[in-house]
């Protein structure tokens, strides 16, 4: 495995294989820790890509989903007063030309799908990191990480 960076005994090794690091006298524990940290970052990146596939591009869109869900849920629960339609529901009405109730229900359903995806992705991410941690060799750690990354790469919203 090519390890991006390892610091040991005042030396910095950059883009060095685990075999070369061991041959240079870097203790196996240091090499394993560096490999595990690097594999964890790759899993985190794959999880970030999976999450990004579920929301529109842009910063803080996920926060918009949560705010819209809160407003829509509260409006539905409080009796659906047509004179007090929240702005997130009104925006949905304007965009899609649906009734206020349909807009609120669509907002809630979309947010709940996002929340389910977040839970699933978190499970895959942390499960992958745990598998990497439990693996006995660097090669086994790489294999565990690759499996987690492949699962995360396949986790995408259904095509509409």
Protein backbone atom coordinates (compact mmCIF):
# COMPACT_ATOMS: atom_id res chain seq x y z
CA UNK A 1 0.00 0.00 0.00
CA UNK A 2 1.25 3.45 -0.86
CA UNK A 3 1.01 5.60 2.26
CA UNK A 4 0.76 9.32 1.61
CA UNK A 5 2.68 10.57 4.64
CA UNK A 6 4.38 9.14 7.71
CA UNK A 7 6.50 10.96 10.24
CA UNK A 8 8.91 8.88 12.32
CA UNK A 9 12.09 9.69 14.19
CA UNK A 10 12.24 13.21 12.76
CA UNK A 11 11.91 11.96 9.20
CA UNK A 12 8.94 12.51 6.94
CA UNK A 13 8.17 9.84 4.38
CA UNK A 14 5.90 10.91 1.52
CA UNK A 15 4.15 8.54 -0.90
CA UNK A 16 6.04 5.54 0.38
CA UNK A 17 4.93 1.92 0.30
CA UNK A 18 4.38 0.07 3.53
CA UNK A 19 7.20 -2.34 2.58
CA UNK A 20 9.61 0.57 2.03
CA UNK A 21 8.60 2.11 5.34
CA UNK A 22 9.24 -1.14 7.18
CA UNK A 23 12.59 -1.54 5.39
CA UNK A 24 13.51 2.00 6.48
CA UNK A 25 12.99 0.97 10.10
CA UNK A 26 9.60 2.52 10.68
CA UNK A 27 7.90 0.35 13.31
CA UNK A 28 5.02 -1.77 12.05
CA UNK A 29 2.59 -0.08 14.47
CA UNK A 30 3.37 3.35 13.00
CA UNK A 31 2.92 2.03 9.47
CA UNK A 32 -0.37 0.31 10.36
CA UNK A 33 -1.70 3.43 12.09
CA UNK A 34 -0.83 5.60 9.07
CA UNK A 35 -2.42 3.13 6.67
CA UNK A 36 -5.57 2.88 8.79
CA UNK A 37 -5.91 6.67 9.02
CA UNK A 38 -5.47 7.05 5.26
CA UNK A 39 -8.02 4.32 4.54
CA UNK A 40 -10.44 5.98 6.97
CA UNK A 41 -10.13 9.26 5.08
CA UNK A 42 -10.89 7.47 1.81
CA UNK A 43 -14.01 5.92 3.36
CA UNK A 44 -15.06 9.35 4.66
CA UNK A 45 -14.62 10.83 1.18
CA UNK A 46 -16.75 8.08 -0.39
CA UNK A 47 -19.42 8.72 2.26
CA UNK A 48 -19.34 12.44 1.47
CA UNK A 49 -19.82 11.68 -2.21
CA UNK A 50 -22.75 9.40 -1.40
CA UNK A 51 -24.41 12.08 0.76
CA UNK A 52 -23.87 14.70 -1.93
CA UNK A 53 -25.76 12.54 -4.44
CA UNK A 54 -28.95 12.98 -2.41
CA UNK A 55 -29.16 16.77 -2.34
CA UNK A 56 -28.96 19.55 -4.87
CA UNK A 57 -25.45 20.94 -5.32
CA UNK A 58 -24.46 23.89 -3.18
CA UNK A 59 -23.56 24.74 0.35
CA UNK A 60 -26.01 24.10 3.18
CA UNK A 61 -28.71 22.58 0.98
CA UNK A 62 -29.09 19.82 3.55
CA UNK A 63 -29.87 22.48 6.15
CA UNK A 64 -32.59 23.84 3.86
CA UNK A 65 -34.13 20.35 3.76
CA UNK A 66 -34.21 20.21 7.55
CA UNK A 67 -35.67 23.70 7.92
CA UNK A 68 -38.31 23.05 5.27
CA UNK A 69 -39.22 19.75 6.92
CA UNK A 70 -39.60 21.44 10.30
CA UNK A 71 -41.82 24.19 8.89
CA UNK A 72 -43.92 21.78 6.82
CA UNK A 73 -44.32 19.28 9.67
CA UNK A 74 -45.36 21.99 12.11
CA UNK A 75 -47.85 23.42 9.62
CA UNK A 76 -49.38 19.99 8.96
CA UNK A 77 -49.56 19.21 12.69
CA UNK A 78 -51.13 22.55 13.57
CA UNK A 79 -54.14 22.10 11.32
CA UNK A 80 -52.98 23.33 7.88
CA UNK A 81 -54.08 26.95 8.25
CA UNK A 82 -54.23 28.29 4.67
CA UNK A 83 -53.68 31.82 6.02
CA UNK A 84 -50.38 30.81 7.67
CA UNK A 85 -48.55 28.78 5.02
CA UNK A 86 -44.81 28.73 5.85
CA UNK A 87 -42.44 30.17 3.28
CA UNK A 88 -40.83 26.81 2.53
CA UNK A 89 -44.23 25.35 1.70
CA UNK A 90 -45.16 28.40 -0.39
CA UNK A 91 -41.88 28.12 -2.29
CA UNK A 92 -42.71 24.50 -3.09
CA UNK A 93 -46.22 25.46 -4.21
CA UNK A 94 -44.78 28.15 -6.51
CA UNK A 95 -42.17 25.80 -7.93
CA UNK A 96 -44.36 22.75 -8.54
CA UNK A 97 -47.90 24.12 -8.73
CA UNK A 98 -49.31 21.77 -6.12
CA UNK A 99 -51.66 22.37 -3.20
CA UNK A 100 -50.30 23.53 0.15
CA UNK A 101 -50.98 20.16 1.75
CA UNK A 102 -49.34 18.28 -1.13
CA UNK A 103 -46.34 20.62 -0.96
CA UNK A 104 -45.95 20.08 2.79
CA UNK A 105 -46.26 16.32 2.42
CA UNK A 106 -43.71 16.26 -0.43
CA UNK A 107 -41.29 18.34 1.62
CA UNK A 108 -41.60 16.00 4.60
CA UNK A 109 -41.21 12.89 2.41
CA UNK A 110 -38.11 14.31 0.70
CA UNK A 111 -36.52 15.24 4.03
CA UNK A 112 -37.32 11.82 5.49
CA UNK A 113 -35.69 10.14 2.48
CA UNK A 114 -32.61 12.34 3.05
CA UNK A 115 -32.52 11.39 6.73
CA UNK A 116 -32.78 7.69 5.85
CA UNK A 117 -29.91 8.09 3.41
CA UNK A 118 -27.84 9.83 6.10
CA UNK A 119 -28.42 6.95 8.53
CA UNK A 120 -27.61 4.33 5.89
CA UNK A 121 -24.46 6.13 4.75
CA UNK A 122 -23.32 6.59 8.35
CA UNK A 123 -23.83 2.88 8.95
CA UNK A 124 -21.77 1.98 5.86
CA UNK A 125 -19.06 4.51 6.74
CA UNK A 126 -18.63 3.47 10.35
CA UNK A 127 -19.01 -0.21 9.51
CA UNK A 128 -16.25 0.12 6.93
CA UNK A 129 -13.96 1.90 9.36
CA UNK A 130 -14.63 -0.78 11.98
CA UNK A 131 -13.81 -3.51 9.44
CA UNK A 132 -10.56 -1.72 8.61
CA UNK A 133 -9.71 -1.46 12.29
CA UNK A 134 -10.43 -5.18 12.92
CA UNK A 135 -8.40 -6.41 9.94
CA UNK A 136 -5.10 -8.02 10.90
CA UNK A 137 -2.86 -6.96 8.01
CA UNK A 138 -2.44 -3.89 5.88
CA UNK A 139 -3.63 -5.90 2.89
CA UNK A 140 -6.76 -6.98 4.77
CA UNK A 141 -7.34 -3.39 5.87
CA UNK A 142 -7.11 -2.26 2.23
CA UNK A 143 -9.60 -4.94 1.19
CA UNK A 144 -12.04 -3.95 3.95
CA UNK A 145 -11.77 -0.29 2.98
CA UNK A 146 -12.28 -1.08 -0.69
CA UNK A 147 -15.43 -3.05 0.08
CA UNK A 148 -16.83 -0.15 2.14
CA UNK A 149 -15.92 2.36 -0.57
CA UNK A 150 -17.60 0.24 -3.24
CA UNK A 151 -20.77 0.00 -1.13
CA UNK A 152 -20.76 3.75 -0.61
CA UNK A 153 -20.12 4.37 -4.31
CA UNK A 154 -23.18 2.26 -5.16
CA UNK A 155 -25.42 3.97 -2.59
CA UNK A 156 -27.27 6.54 -4.68
CA UNK A 157 -30.84 7.82 -4.89
CA UNK A 158 -33.23 5.89 -7.08
CA UNK A 159 -33.57 7.27 -10.59
CA UNK A 160 -36.82 9.09 -11.16
